[in-house]
Amino acid sequence: MKKMSMVCMTVVCLATPGFSSRVSTPIDGYLATPEHEIEKIQRELKDPKKMRECMIHLFSSCWHNLIGLEEATEFKRKFDVSDKDMEVALLDVVREWSPKGWPVWQGPDAPMDVRMGYIYLTGAIKLLAFCADAKGKKLLMGIFTDTAKDGEYRLLAIDSYMQRIAVRDAWETFASFITDDVLAIVDRYRLYHLAMRTYDRAKSDTQTRTAIIATMSAILAKETNELYLVETDKRFAERSTEYAESPQRKATLERMGKPPEKETK
């Protein structure tokens, strides 16, 4: 495992040739593993302790925010990692660190235990989006519905949960929790972005897309933050002619003194 970690850290420290704007991350290091070393790493990751160490390495610092579905899927395929084994490792991380508290981000000068608690807990929640089954989803929903937890954890939890269920179920779950109380305590712009991602996932599911537009139109009609409104409105208008041409949208933008622009699909 030490040798594998050294290989990964070496890759992390180098910018990807020809892509100066692309930050190289720990998962890039794993995916760049030479063919002759893959089988060895596959064997190592069958050990629960090594799997846990691997997961921690993947979300070290802020790197978990740069791991997408494509990278996670390729990682699991390449190293023969099952959803169950990955879920067990991540739940183990949460079990270890959650009794120590759920710290909010306080910057790089915060005490080490605060920084590590934040990194480990947010990282585990984020990566559960790629493997959570019944136990993982129960944990994620528990985090989201826990009003004592910071909005950062709650948003990450509902995001990961929604990625593990069918898109229509995901939207119904999302819509059922979007109350005025929730909107008042979480980062609304990130919440709106999550709604857009769900809309994109729906693809040919016209009924779900219509429901998303109806719900978001009602929410945006009450939005008081001009930046949140303008940015979210623009993104939904680009996605949906139904939304772009709706009287409710026009009224909302006029209220904010922002006449709607014509959008082309």
C-alpha atoms as a PDB file:
ATOM      1  CA  MET A   1       0.000   0.000   0.000  1.00  0.00           C
ATOM      2  CA  LYS A   2       2.886   2.380   0.757  1.00  0.00           C
ATOM      3  CA  LYS A   3       4.289   1.858  -2.725  1.00  0.00           C
ATOM      4  CA  MET A   4       0.867   2.459  -4.246  1.00  0.00           C
ATOM      5  CA  SER A   5       0.436   5.637  -2.218  1.00  0.00           C
ATOM      6  CA  MET A   6       3.807   6.932  -3.328  1.00  0.00           C
ATOM      7  CA  VAL A   7       2.877   6.342  -6.961  1.00  0.00           C
ATOM      8  CA  CYS A   8      -0.383   8.219  -6.455  1.00  0.00           C
ATOM      9  CA  MET A   9       1.210  11.139  -4.655  1.00  0.00           C
ATOM     10  CA  THR A  10       3.811  11.463  -7.392  1.00  0.00           C
ATOM     11  CA  VAL A  11       1.064  11.760  -9.979  1.00  0.00           C
ATOM     12  CA  VAL A  12      -0.818  14.258  -7.818  1.00  0.00           C
ATOM     13  CA  CYS A  13       2.214  16.527  -7.668  1.00  0.00           C
ATOM     14  CA  LEU A  14       2.516  16.737 -11.443  1.00  0.00           C
ATOM     15  CA  ALA A  15       0.248  18.680 -13.746  1.00  0.00           C
ATOM     16  CA  THR A  16      -1.243  16.599 -16.519  1.00  0.00           C
ATOM     17  CA  PRO A  17       0.855  17.324 -19.641  1.00  0.00           C
ATOM     18  CA  GLY A  18      -0.954  19.584 -22.067  1.00  0.00           C
ATOM     19  CA  PHE A  19      -3.771  20.387 -19.622  1.00  0.00           C
ATOM     20  CA  SER A  20      -2.420  23.068 -17.312  1.00  0.00           C
ATOM     21  CA  SER A  21      -5.912  23.952 -16.060  1.00  0.00           C
ATOM     22  CA  ARG A  22      -6.662  20.323 -15.093  1.00  0.00           C
ATOM     23  CA  VAL A  23      -5.551  19.610 -11.541  1.00  0.00           C
ATOM     24  CA  SER A  24      -4.225  16.094 -11.095  1.00  0.00           C
ATOM     25  CA  THR A  25      -5.900  14.286  -8.214  1.00  0.00           C
ATOM     26  CA  PRO A  26      -5.392  11.082  -6.217  1.00  0.00           C
ATOM     27  CA  ILE A  27      -7.916   9.182  -8.322  1.00  0.00           C
ATOM     28  CA  ASP A  28      -5.929  10.157 -11.427  1.00  0.00           C
ATOM     29  CA  GLY A  29      -2.990   8.432  -9.801  1.00  0.00           C
ATOM     30  CA  TYR A  30      -4.908   5.206  -9.294  1.00  0.00           C
ATOM     31  CA  LEU A  31      -6.288   5.270 -12.827  1.00  0.00           C
ATOM     32  CA  ALA A  32      -2.758   5.791 -14.197  1.00  0.00           C
ATOM     33  CA  THR A  33      -1.500   2.619 -12.496  1.00  0.00           C
ATOM     34  CA  PRO A  34       0.591   0.491 -14.919  1.00  0.00           C
ATOM     35  CA  GLU A  35      -1.117  -2.678 -16.112  1.00  0.00           C
ATOM     36  CA  HIS A  36       1.398  -4.956 -14.399  1.00  0.00           C
ATOM     37  CA  GLU A  37       0.525  -3.470 -10.969  1.00  0.00           C
ATOM     38  CA  ILE A  38      -3.271  -3.573 -11.259  1.00  0.00           C
ATOM     39  CA  GLU A  39      -3.726  -7.152 -10.088  1.00  0.00           C
ATOM     40  CA  LYS A  40      -1.593  -6.487  -7.000  1.00  0.00           C
ATOM     41  CA  ILE A  41      -3.706  -3.486  -6.058  1.00  0.00           C
ATOM     42  CA  GLN A  42      -6.882  -5.482  -6.655  1.00  0.00           C
ATOM     43  CA  ARG A  43      -5.694  -8.031  -4.093  1.00  0.00           C
ATOM     44  CA  GLU A  44      -4.728  -5.321  -1.611  1.00  0.00           C
ATOM     45  CA  LEU A  45      -8.128  -3.662  -1.814  1.00  0.00           C
ATOM     46  CA  LYS A  46      -9.859  -6.885  -0.778  1.00  0.00           C
ATOM     47  CA  ASP A  47      -8.456  -6.142   2.693  1.00  0.00           C
ATOM     48  CA  PRO A  48     -11.029  -3.883   4.454  1.00  0.00           C
ATOM     49  CA  LYS A  49      -8.247  -1.917   6.160  1.00  0.00           C
ATOM     50  CA  LYS A  50      -6.501  -1.219   2.868  1.00  0.00           C
ATOM     51  CA  MET A  51      -9.797  -0.279   1.247  1.00  0.00           C
ATOM     52  CA  ARG A  52     -10.475   2.206   4.024  1.00  0.00           C
ATOM     53  CA  GLU A  53      -6.994   3.709   3.597  1.00  0.00           C
ATOM     54  CA  CYS A  54      -7.619   3.960  -0.123  1.00  0.00           C
ATOM     55  CA  MET A  55     -10.912   5.802   0.366  1.00  0.00           C
ATOM     56  CA  ILE A  56      -9.281   8.273   2.761  1.00  0.00           C
ATOM     57  CA  HIS A  57      -6.548   8.881   0.208  1.00  0.00           C
ATOM     58  CA  LEU A  58      -9.123   9.536  -2.512  1.00  0.00           C
ATOM     59  CA  PHE A  59     -10.823  12.298  -0.542  1.00  0.00           C
ATOM     60  CA  SER A  60      -7.721  13.746   1.100  1.00  0.00           C
ATOM     61  CA  SER A  61      -7.870  17.538   1.239  1.00  0.00           C
ATOM     62  CA  CYS A  62     -10.591  18.762  -1.172  1.00  0.00           C
ATOM     63  CA  TRP A  63     -10.020  16.182  -3.898  1.00  0.00           C
ATOM     64  CA  HIS A  64     -13.358  14.458  -3.413  1.00  0.00           C
ATOM     65  CA  ASN A  65     -15.000  17.479  -5.005  1.00  0.00           C
ATOM     66  CA  LEU A  66     -13.163  16.661  -8.239  1.00  0.00           C
ATOM     67  CA  ILE A  67     -14.239  13.020  -8.486  1.00  0.00           C
ATOM     68  CA  GLY A  68     -17.028  12.478 -10.984  1.00  0.00           C
ATOM     69  CA  LEU A  69     -19.165   9.490 -11.897  1.00  0.00           C
ATOM     70  CA  GLU A  70     -16.945   8.577 -14.830  1.00  0.00           C
ATOM     71  CA  GLU A  71     -13.782   8.488 -12.711  1.00  0.00           C
ATOM     72  CA  ALA A  72     -15.452   6.602  -9.876  1.00  0.00           C
ATOM     73  CA  THR A  73     -16.940   4.023 -12.266  1.00  0.00           C
ATOM     74  CA  GLU A  74     -13.584   3.447 -13.936  1.00  0.00           C
ATOM     75  CA  PHE A  75     -11.854   3.138 -10.556  1.00  0.00           C
ATOM     76  CA  LYS A  76     -14.288   0.435  -9.440  1.00  0.00           C
ATOM     77  CA  ARG A  77     -13.998  -1.411 -12.738  1.00  0.00           C
ATOM     78  CA  LYS A  78     -10.228  -1.257 -12.952  1.00  0.00           C
ATOM     79  CA  PHE A  79      -9.589  -2.472  -9.418  1.00  0.00           C
ATOM     80  CA  ASP A  80     -12.585  -4.809  -9.123  1.00  0.00           C
ATOM     81  CA  VAL A  81     -14.070  -2.789  -6.258  1.00  0.00           C
ATOM     82  CA  SER A  82     -17.642  -3.681  -5.358  1.00  0.00           C
ATOM     83  CA  ASP A  83     -20.198  -1.143  -4.171  1.00  0.00           C
ATOM     84  CA  LYS A  84     -20.499  -3.117  -0.947  1.00  0.00           C
ATOM     85  CA  ASP A  85     -16.780  -3.042  -0.126  1.00  0.00           C
ATOM     86  CA  MET A  86     -16.575   0.659  -0.925  1.00  0.00           C
ATOM     87  CA  GLU A  87     -19.677   1.412   1.141  1.00  0.00           C
ATOM     88  CA  VAL A  88     -18.370  -0.551   4.140  1.00  0.00           C
ATOM     89  CA  ALA A  89     -15.110   1.403   4.097  1.00  0.00           C
ATOM     90  CA  LEU A  90     -16.845   4.774   3.894  1.00  0.00           C
ATOM     91  CA  LEU A  91     -19.376   3.951   6.616  1.00  0.00           C
ATOM     92  CA  ASP A  92     -16.453   2.908   8.803  1.00  0.00           C
ATOM     93  CA  VAL A  93     -14.886   6.353   8.319  1.00  0.00           C
ATOM     94  CA  VAL A  94     -18.148   8.063   9.306  1.00  0.00           C
ATOM     95  CA  ARG A  95     -18.542   5.819  12.362  1.00  0.00           C
ATOM     96  CA  GLU A  96     -15.038   6.698  13.536  1.00  0.00           C
ATOM     97  CA  TRP A  97     -15.214  10.441  13.024  1.00  0.00           C
ATOM     98  CA  SER A  98     -18.840  11.404  13.668  1.00  0.00           C
ATOM     99  CA  PRO A  99     -18.644  10.887  17.477  1.00  0.00           C
ATOM    100  CA  LYS A 100     -15.890  13.534  17.494  1.00  0.00           C
ATOM    101  CA  GLY A 101     -18.321  16.093  16.131  1.00  0.00           C
ATOM    102  CA  TRP A 102     -19.375  17.476  12.755  1.00  0.00           C
ATOM    103  CA  PRO A 103     -17.119  20.522  12.391  1.00  0.00           C
ATOM    104  CA  VAL A 104     -17.777  23.323   9.944  1.00  0.00           C
ATOM    105  CA  TRP A 105     -14.994  24.478   7.659  1.00  0.00           C
ATOM    106  CA  GLN A 106     -12.843  27.072   9.431  1.00  0.00           C
ATOM    107  CA  GLY A 107     -10.055  27.470   6.910  1.00  0.00           C
ATOM    108  CA  PRO A 108      -6.510  26.036   6.736  1.00  0.00           C
ATOM    109  CA  ASP A 109      -5.535  27.562  10.086  1.00  0.00           C
ATOM    110  CA  ALA A 110      -8.138  25.594  12.032  1.00  0.00           C
ATOM    111  CA  PRO A 111      -6.954  22.967  14.537  1.00  0.00           C
ATOM    112  CA  MET A 112      -5.853  19.714  12.925  1.00  0.00           C
ATOM    113  CA  ASP A 113      -8.669  17.641  14.424  1.00  0.00           C
ATOM    114  CA  VAL A 114     -11.252  20.091  13.085  1.00  0.00           C
ATOM    115  CA  ARG A 115      -9.747  20.084   9.594  1.00  0.00           C
ATOM    116  CA  MET A 116      -9.441  16.308   9.472  1.00  0.00           C
ATOM    117  CA  GLY A 117     -12.944  15.778  10.818  1.00  0.00           C
ATOM    118  CA  TYR A 118     -14.376  18.038   8.136  1.00  0.00           C
ATOM    119  CA  ILE A 119     -12.317  16.444   5.351  1.00  0.00           C
ATOM    120  CA  TYR A 120     -13.060  12.861   6.371  1.00  0.00           C
ATOM    121  CA  LEU A 121     -16.785  13.316   6.953  1.00  0.00           C
ATOM    122  CA  THR A 122     -17.510  15.399   3.844  1.00  0.00           C
ATOM    123  CA  GLY A 123     -15.303  13.114   1.769  1.00  0.00           C
ATOM    124  CA  ALA A 124     -17.072   9.956   2.907  1.00  0.00           C
ATOM    125  CA  ILE A 125     -20.498  11.486   2.296  1.00  0.00           C
ATOM    126  CA  LYS A 126     -19.480  12.618  -1.178  1.00  0.00           C
ATOM    127  CA  LEU A 127     -18.067   9.230  -2.211  1.00  0.00           C
ATOM    128  CA  LEU A 128     -21.179   7.420  -0.982  1.00  0.00           C
ATOM    129  CA  ALA A 129     -22.807   8.888  -4.099  1.00  0.00           C
ATOM    130  CA  PHE A 130     -20.958   6.196  -6.059  1.00  0.00           C
ATOM    131  CA  CYS A 131     -21.716   3.134  -3.925  1.00  0.00           C
ATOM    132  CA  ALA A 132     -24.395   3.617  -1.250  1.00  0.00           C
ATOM    133  CA  ASP A 133     -26.882   0.778  -0.873  1.00  0.00           C
ATOM    134  CA  ALA A 134     -29.496   0.380   1.873  1.00  0.00           C
ATOM    135  CA  LYS A 135     -27.219   1.195   4.829  1.00  0.00           C
ATOM    136  CA  GLY A 136     -25.481   4.030   3.045  1.00  0.00           C
ATOM    137  CA  LYS A 137     -28.725   5.582   1.868  1.00  0.00           C
ATOM    138  CA  LYS A 138     -30.190   5.344   5.375  1.00  0.00           C
ATOM    139  CA  LEU A 139     -27.159   7.172   6.737  1.00  0.00           C
ATOM    140  CA  LEU A 140     -27.362   9.867   4.062  1.00  0.00           C
ATOM    141  CA  MET A 141     -31.043  10.508   4.654  1.00  0.00           C
ATOM    142  CA  GLY A 142     -30.413  10.633   8.387  1.00  0.00           C
ATOM    143  CA  ILE A 143     -27.773  13.303   7.891  1.00  0.00           C
ATOM    144  CA  PHE A 144     -30.003  15.348   5.607  1.00  0.00           C
ATOM    145  CA  THR A 145     -32.976  15.311   7.970  1.00  0.00           C
ATOM    146  CA  ASP A 146     -30.863  16.132  11.039  1.00  0.00           C
ATOM    147  CA  THR A 147     -31.547  19.841  11.602  1.00  0.00           C
ATOM    148  CA  ALA A 148     -28.713  20.016  14.145  1.00  0.00           C
ATOM    149  CA  LYS A 149     -26.122  19.445  11.409  1.00  0.00           C
ATOM    150  CA  ASP A 150     -24.565  22.194   9.351  1.00  0.00           C
ATOM    151  CA  GLY A 151     -26.136  22.811   5.943  1.00  0.00           C
ATOM    152  CA  GLU A 152     -22.921  21.743   4.203  1.00  0.00           C
ATOM    153  CA  TYR A 153     -23.300  18.157   5.426  1.00  0.00           C
ATOM    154  CA  ARG A 154     -27.011  18.118   4.731  1.00  0.00           C
ATOM    155  CA  LEU A 155     -26.582  19.278   1.132  1.00  0.00           C
ATOM    156  CA  LEU A 156     -23.819  16.768   0.450  1.00  0.00           C
ATOM    157  CA  ALA A 157     -25.958  14.005   1.949  1.00  0.00           C
ATOM    158  CA  ILE A 158     -29.082  14.695  -0.104  1.00  0.00           C
ATOM    159  CA  ASP A 159     -26.941  15.094  -3.226  1.00  0.00           C
ATOM    160  CA  SER A 160     -25.319  11.676  -2.723  1.00  0.00           C
ATOM    161  CA  TYR A 161     -28.626  10.069  -1.764  1.00  0.00           C
ATOM    162  CA  MET A 162     -30.365  11.342  -4.890  1.00  0.00           C
ATOM    163  CA  GLN A 163     -27.626   9.979  -7.116  1.00  0.00           C
ATOM    164  CA  ARG A 164     -28.283   6.477  -5.775  1.00  0.00           C
ATOM    165  CA  ILE A 165     -32.013   6.312  -6.520  1.00  0.00           C
ATOM    166  CA  ALA A 166     -34.165   6.501  -9.642  1.00  0.00           C
ATOM    167  CA  VAL A 167     -34.514  10.018 -10.971  1.00  0.00           C
ATOM    168  CA  ARG A 168     -38.282  10.289 -10.391  1.00  0.00           C
ATOM    169  CA  ASP A 169     -37.901   9.050  -6.815  1.00  0.00           C
ATOM    170  CA  ALA A 170     -34.980  11.451  -6.423  1.00  0.00           C
ATOM    171  CA  TRP A 171     -37.050  14.434  -7.432  1.00  0.00           C
ATOM    172  CA  GLU A 172     -40.022  13.451  -5.270  1.00  0.00           C
ATOM    173  CA  THR A 173     -37.661  13.107  -2.313  1.00  0.00           C
ATOM    174  CA  PHE A 174     -36.048  16.445  -3.074  1.00  0.00           C
ATOM    175  CA  ALA A 175     -39.359  18.277  -3.496  1.00  0.00           C
ATOM    176  CA  SER A 176     -40.801  16.860  -0.277  1.00  0.00           C
ATOM    177  CA  PHE A 177     -37.996  18.375   1.787  1.00  0.00           C
ATOM    178  CA  ILE A 178     -37.704  21.776   0.136  1.00  0.00           C
ATOM    179  CA  THR A 179     -39.569  23.792   2.711  1.00  0.00           C
ATOM    180  CA  ASP A 180     -39.080  27.438   3.626  1.00  0.00           C
ATOM    181  CA  ASP A 181     -37.168  26.293   6.712  1.00  0.00           C
ATOM    182  CA  VAL A 182     -34.698  24.273   4.645  1.00  0.00           C
ATOM    183  CA  LEU A 183     -34.248  27.063   2.103  1.00  0.00           C
ATOM    184  CA  ALA A 184     -33.439  29.442   4.952  1.00  0.00           C
ATOM    185  CA  ILE A 185     -30.506  27.450   6.344  1.00  0.00           C
ATOM    186  CA  VAL A 186     -28.756  25.816   3.375  1.00  0.00           C
ATOM    187  CA  ASP A 187     -26.799  27.233   0.454  1.00  0.00           C
ATOM    188  CA  ARG A 188     -29.729  27.800  -1.894  1.00  0.00           C
ATOM    189  CA  TYR A 189     -27.635  28.240  -5.005  1.00  0.00           C
ATOM    190  CA  ARG A 190     -26.115  24.788  -4.522  1.00  0.00           C
ATOM    191  CA  LEU A 191     -29.585  23.435  -3.896  1.00  0.00           C
ATOM    192  CA  TYR A 192     -30.761  24.951  -7.166  1.00  0.00           C
ATOM    193  CA  HIS A 193     -27.777  23.424  -8.928  1.00  0.00           C
ATOM    194  CA  LEU A 194     -28.815  20.038  -7.558  1.00  0.00           C
ATOM    195  CA  ALA A 195     -32.289  20.551  -9.020  1.00  0.00           C
ATOM    196  CA  MET A 196     -30.711  21.322 -12.398  1.00  0.00           C
ATOM    197  CA  ARG A 197     -28.637  18.157 -12.265  1.00  0.00           C
ATOM    198  CA  THR A 198     -31.782  16.166 -11.514  1.00  0.00           C
ATOM    199  CA  TYR A 199     -33.486  17.818 -14.479  1.00  0.00           C
ATOM    200  CA  ASP A 200     -30.563  16.763 -16.679  1.00  0.00           C
ATOM    201  CA  ARG A 201     -30.753  13.205 -15.373  1.00  0.00           C
ATOM    202  CA  ALA A 202     -34.466  13.012 -16.230  1.00  0.00           C
ATOM    203  CA  LYS A 203     -33.732  13.243 -19.993  1.00  0.00           C
ATOM    204  CA  SER A 204     -36.792  11.732 -21.718  1.00  0.00           C
ATOM    205  CA  ASP A 205     -38.909  11.670 -18.517  1.00  0.00           C
ATOM    206  CA  THR A 206     -41.155  14.579 -19.496  1.00  0.00           C
ATOM    207  CA  GLN A 207     -43.402  14.223 -16.456  1.00  0.00           C
ATOM    208  CA  THR A 208     -40.505  14.577 -14.017  1.00  0.00           C
ATOM    209  CA  ARG A 209     -39.020  17.476 -15.934  1.00  0.00           C
ATOM    210  CA  THR A 210     -42.367  19.270 -15.879  1.00  0.00           C
ATOM    211  CA  ALA A 211     -42.600  18.721 -12.118  1.00  0.00           C
ATOM    212  CA  ILE A 212     -39.104  20.111 -11.622  1.00  0.00           C
ATOM    213  CA  ILE A 213     -39.901  23.231 -13.641  1.00  0.00           C
ATOM    214  CA  ALA A 214     -43.140  23.796 -11.718  1.00  0.00           C
ATOM    215  CA  THR A 215     -41.447  23.447  -8.331  1.00  0.00           C
ATOM    216  CA  MET A 216     -38.450  25.581  -9.220  1.00  0.00           C
ATOM    217  CA  SER A 217     -40.645  28.282 -10.744  1.00  0.00           C
ATOM    218  CA  ALA A 218     -42.533  28.533  -7.456  1.00  0.00           C
ATOM    219  CA  ILE A 219     -39.302  28.629  -5.431  1.00  0.00           C
ATOM    220  CA  LEU A 220     -37.651  31.238  -7.651  1.00  0.00           C
ATOM    221  CA  ALA A 221     -40.766  33.413  -7.461  1.00  0.00           C
ATOM    222  CA  LYS A 222     -39.864  33.947  -3.786  1.00  0.00           C
ATOM    223  CA  GLU A 223     -36.088  34.221  -4.228  1.00  0.00           C
ATOM    224  CA  THR A 224     -34.719  37.519  -2.889  1.00  0.00           C
ATOM    225  CA  ASN A 225     -31.067  37.067  -3.814  1.00  0.00           C
ATOM    226  CA  GLU A 226     -30.648  38.648  -7.249  1.00  0.00           C
ATOM    227  CA  LEU A 227     -27.512  36.678  -8.121  1.00  0.00           C
ATOM    228  CA  TYR A 228     -29.107  33.337  -7.213  1.00  0.00           C
ATOM    229  CA  LEU A 229     -32.218  34.218  -9.179  1.00  0.00           C
ATOM    230  CA  VAL A 230     -30.503  35.471 -12.331  1.00  0.00           C
ATOM    231  CA  GLU A 231     -28.013  32.609 -12.547  1.00  0.00           C
ATOM    232  CA  THR A 232     -30.556  29.874 -11.822  1.00  0.00           C
ATOM    233  CA  ASP A 233     -33.123  31.426 -14.128  1.00  0.00           C
ATOM    234  CA  LYS A 234     -30.618  31.566 -16.977  1.00  0.00           C
ATOM    235  CA  ARG A 235     -29.658  27.920 -16.579  1.00  0.00           C
ATOM    236  CA  PHE A 236     -33.236  26.675 -16.465  1.00  0.00           C
ATOM    237  CA  ALA A 237     -34.257  28.871 -19.391  1.00  0.00           C
ATOM    238  CA  GLU A 238     -31.443  27.339 -21.426  1.00  0.00           C
ATOM    239  CA  ARG A 239     -32.779  23.890 -20.601  1.00  0.00           C
ATOM    240  CA  SER A 240     -36.525  24.369 -20.943  1.00  0.00           C
ATOM    241  CA  THR A 241     -38.626  26.342 -23.415  1.00  0.00           C
ATOM    242  CA  GLU A 242     -41.607  25.710 -21.124  1.00  0.00           C
ATOM    243  CA  TYR A 243     -39.812  27.527 -18.316  1.00  0.00           C
ATOM    244  CA  ALA A 244     -38.314  30.249 -20.539  1.00  0.00           C
ATOM    245  CA  GLU A 245     -41.711  31.260 -21.937  1.00  0.00           C
ATOM    246  CA  SER A 246     -43.770  30.925 -18.754  1.00  0.00           C
ATOM    247  CA  PRO A 247     -45.738  33.929 -17.419  1.00  0.00           C
ATOM    248  CA  GLN A 248     -44.497  33.083 -13.913  1.00  0.00           C
ATOM    249  CA  ARG A 249     -40.891  33.491 -15.002  1.00  0.00           C
ATOM    250  CA  LYS A 250     -41.672  36.842 -16.617  1.00  0.00           C
ATOM    251  CA  ALA A 251     -43.391  38.081 -13.459  1.00  0.00           C
ATOM    252  CA  THR A 252     -40.522  36.935 -11.250  1.00  0.00           C
ATOM    253  CA  LEU A 253     -37.881  38.687 -13.336  1.00  0.00           C
ATOM    254  CA  GLU A 254     -39.940  41.858 -13.623  1.00  0.00           C
ATOM    255  CA  ARG A 255     -40.234  41.895  -9.832  1.00  0.00           C
ATOM    256  CA  MET A 256     -36.429  41.938  -9.678  1.00  0.00           C
ATOM    257  CA  GLY A 257     -36.173  44.491 -12.475  1.00  0.00           C
ATOM    258  CA  LYS A 258     -34.636  41.911 -14.805  1.00  0.00           C
ATOM    259  CA  PRO A 259     -36.646  41.550 -18.024  1.00  0.00           C
ATOM    260  CA  PRO A 260     -36.275  38.017 -19.450  1.00  0.00           C
ATOM    261  CA  GLU A 261     -33.949  37.515 -22.365  1.00  0.00           C
ATOM    262  CA  LYS A 262     -35.037  35.362 -25.280  1.00  0.00           C
ATOM    263  CA  GLU A 263     -33.490  31.920 -24.943  1.00  0.00           C
ATOM    264  CA  THR A 264     -32.713  29.534 -27.751  1.00  0.00           C
ATOM    265  CA  LYS A 265     -32.790  25.800 -27.215  1.00  0.00           C
END
